[in-house]
Protein backbone atom coordinates (compact mmCIF):
# COMPACT_ATOMS: atom_id res chain seq x y z
CA MET A 1 -37.22 2.27 -34.94
CA SER A 2 -35.64 3.30 -38.06
CA SER A 3 -34.78 6.09 -40.20
CA LEU A 4 -35.88 4.48 -43.03
CA LEU A 5 -39.31 5.10 -42.25
CA LEU A 6 -38.65 8.48 -42.97
CA LEU A 7 -38.36 7.31 -46.95
CA PRO A 8 -41.57 7.65 -47.87
CA THR A 9 -42.22 10.86 -46.81
CA LEU A 10 -38.66 11.76 -48.01
CA LEU A 11 -39.93 11.37 -51.52
CA ARG A 12 -42.69 13.31 -51.58
CA TYR A 13 -40.58 16.41 -50.23
CA VAL A 14 -38.01 16.27 -52.52
CA PRO A 15 -38.44 17.13 -56.52
CA PRO A 16 -39.63 14.17 -58.87
CA VAL A 17 -36.82 13.53 -60.46
CA GLY A 18 -34.71 14.22 -57.43
CA LYS A 19 -32.76 11.59 -55.48
CA ILE A 20 -32.42 10.59 -51.88
CA GLY A 21 -28.73 8.81 -50.80
CA VAL A 22 -29.12 6.27 -48.09
CA LEU A 23 -25.85 6.26 -46.01
CA THR A 24 -24.94 3.49 -43.58
CA TYR A 25 -22.81 1.58 -42.12
CA ASP A 26 -22.71 -1.20 -44.06
CA SER A 27 -24.69 -1.28 -47.54
CA SER A 28 -24.55 -5.03 -47.53
CA HIS A 29 -26.79 -5.59 -44.75
CA CYS A 30 -28.87 -2.66 -46.40
CA GLY A 31 -31.34 -4.84 -48.12
CA GLU A 32 -34.58 -3.95 -50.11
CA ASP A 33 -37.22 -5.68 -47.48
CA LEU A 34 -35.99 -2.69 -44.80
CA LEU A 35 -36.60 0.10 -47.32
CA GLY A 36 -40.42 -0.43 -47.23
CA ILE A 37 -40.93 1.77 -51.14
CA ASP A 38 -42.50 -1.38 -52.88
CA ASP A 39 -43.46 1.15 -56.35
CA PRO A 40 -39.68 0.53 -58.64
CA GLY A 41 -40.00 4.12 -59.37
CA GLU A 42 -39.67 5.14 -56.57
CA ARG A 43 -37.29 2.45 -55.45
CA ALA A 44 -35.21 3.84 -58.68
CA ARG A 45 -34.80 7.87 -56.53
CA ILE A 46 -33.16 5.99 -53.74
CA VAL A 47 -29.18 5.42 -53.56
CA ILE A 48 -27.72 3.19 -51.37
CA GLY A 49 -23.82 3.50 -49.76
CA GLY A 50 -22.27 2.36 -46.75
CA ILE A 51 -18.54 3.76 -45.09
CA GLU A 52 -17.79 -0.27 -45.12
CA GLY A 53 -14.08 -0.35 -44.90
CA GLY A 54 -13.29 2.68 -43.24
CA LYS A 55 -11.48 3.67 -39.94
CA PHE A 56 -15.19 3.94 -38.05
CA TRP A 57 -16.20 0.87 -39.84
CA HIS A 58 -13.35 -1.19 -38.67
CA ASP A 59 -12.94 0.29 -35.38
CA GLU A 60 -16.28 -0.47 -34.49
CA LEU A 61 -15.65 -4.27 -35.34
CA LYS A 62 -13.47 -4.45 -32.69
CA ARG A 63 -13.76 -5.79 -29.52
CA PRO A 64 -13.71 -3.95 -27.32
CA PRO A 65 -14.26 -0.91 -29.77
CA PRO A 66 -11.79 2.30 -29.03
CA PRO A 67 -13.74 4.93 -27.93
CA ILE A 68 -15.68 6.95 -31.25
CA ASP A 69 -13.70 9.31 -33.03
CA VAL A 70 -15.93 11.78 -34.41
CA ALA A 71 -13.44 12.59 -36.90
CA SER A 72 -12.87 9.21 -38.75
CA ILE A 73 -16.64 9.33 -38.96
CA GLU A 74 -17.16 12.64 -40.32
CA SER A 75 -14.07 12.21 -42.80
CA GLY A 76 -15.90 9.03 -43.82
CA VAL A 77 -19.00 9.36 -44.28
CA GLY A 78 -18.51 12.97 -46.06
CA ALA A 79 -16.45 11.07 -48.89
CA ARG A 80 -18.93 8.10 -49.22
CA ILE A 81 -21.38 11.31 -49.53
CA ARG A 82 -19.24 12.85 -52.31
CA SER A 83 -18.50 9.63 -54.35
CA LEU A 84 -22.34 9.17 -54.19
CA ARG A 85 -23.11 12.64 -55.61
CA ASP A 86 -20.82 12.09 -58.12
CA ALA A 87 -22.16 8.81 -59.46
CA HIS A 88 -25.70 10.03 -58.82
CA PRO A 89 -25.94 14.24 -59.21
CA GLU A 90 -29.20 13.87 -58.56
CA ILE A 91 -29.36 13.74 -54.69
CA VAL A 92 -31.40 16.73 -53.56
CA ALA A 93 -30.97 14.75 -49.63
CA ILE A 94 -29.32 12.57 -47.78
CA LEU A 95 -30.87 9.88 -45.44
CA PHE A 96 -28.96 8.65 -42.61
CA GLU A 97 -29.50 5.05 -41.73
CA CYS A 98 -27.15 4.50 -38.88
CA ALA A 99 -27.78 5.56 -35.61
CA ALA A 100 -23.74 7.48 -35.21
CA PHE A 101 -24.21 9.40 -38.19
CA PRO A 102 -26.01 12.01 -36.23
CA MET A 103 -23.31 13.66 -34.40
CA VAL A 104 -22.23 14.62 -38.03
CA ALA A 105 -24.86 15.66 -39.59
CA PRO A 106 -24.46 19.33 -38.84
CA ALA A 107 -21.12 19.21 -40.78
CA ILE A 108 -21.85 17.10 -43.03
CA ARG A 109 -25.02 19.61 -44.12
CA ARG A 110 -22.41 22.34 -44.04
CA HIS A 111 -20.26 20.65 -46.59
CA ALA A 112 -22.48 18.81 -48.54
CA LYS A 113 -25.11 22.04 -48.72
CA LEU A 114 -27.78 19.07 -48.50
CA PRO A 115 -30.54 18.62 -46.04
CA VAL A 116 -29.48 15.65 -44.14
CA TYR A 117 -32.00 13.09 -42.14
CA ASP A 118 -31.55 10.95 -39.29
CA ILE A 119 -33.00 9.36 -36.49
CA THR A 120 -33.09 11.77 -34.40
CA ASP A 121 -35.34 13.51 -37.05
CA LEU A 122 -38.30 10.76 -37.17
CA CYS A 123 -37.57 10.76 -32.85
CA ARG A 124 -38.38 14.74 -32.94
CA LEU A 125 -41.59 14.27 -35.18
CA MET A 126 -43.31 11.46 -32.69
CA ILE A 127 -42.05 13.16 -29.26
CA ALA A 128 -43.92 16.56 -31.57
CA SER A 129 -47.30 14.42 -31.93
CA VAL A 130 -46.96 12.75 -28.65
CA ALA A 131 -46.63 16.02 -26.61
CA ARG A 132 -49.64 17.95 -28.52
CA LEU A 133 -52.02 15.18 -27.12
CA ASP A 134 -52.68 16.47 -23.64
């Protein structure tokens, strides 16, 4: 299960001229095949960025990894979102692909003033659909 499953729905939620910023741990490993978007017009509305090279990225490569530093995740994610928005001011929503990012989603929503979606949103949607079957 990946938050990328939300992309087709999010593309319909945002304005047709709006873009979705997909933020991942390492953008070099987030290829076209993972997006599940075949239409070139819709694909053009997706901007991918990663936090590769940052403190959290380096920490996660260590064995064993050190304790999670939430402040470094927030800093790295926030900086990358700012750079994506500088390059693509049409970004109107953010989708976190990395499962570590939901812990900083509230702070990023406050700073970026954009909707932020992640794997927990997809899980809540799935749980809600099953819970209503009783």
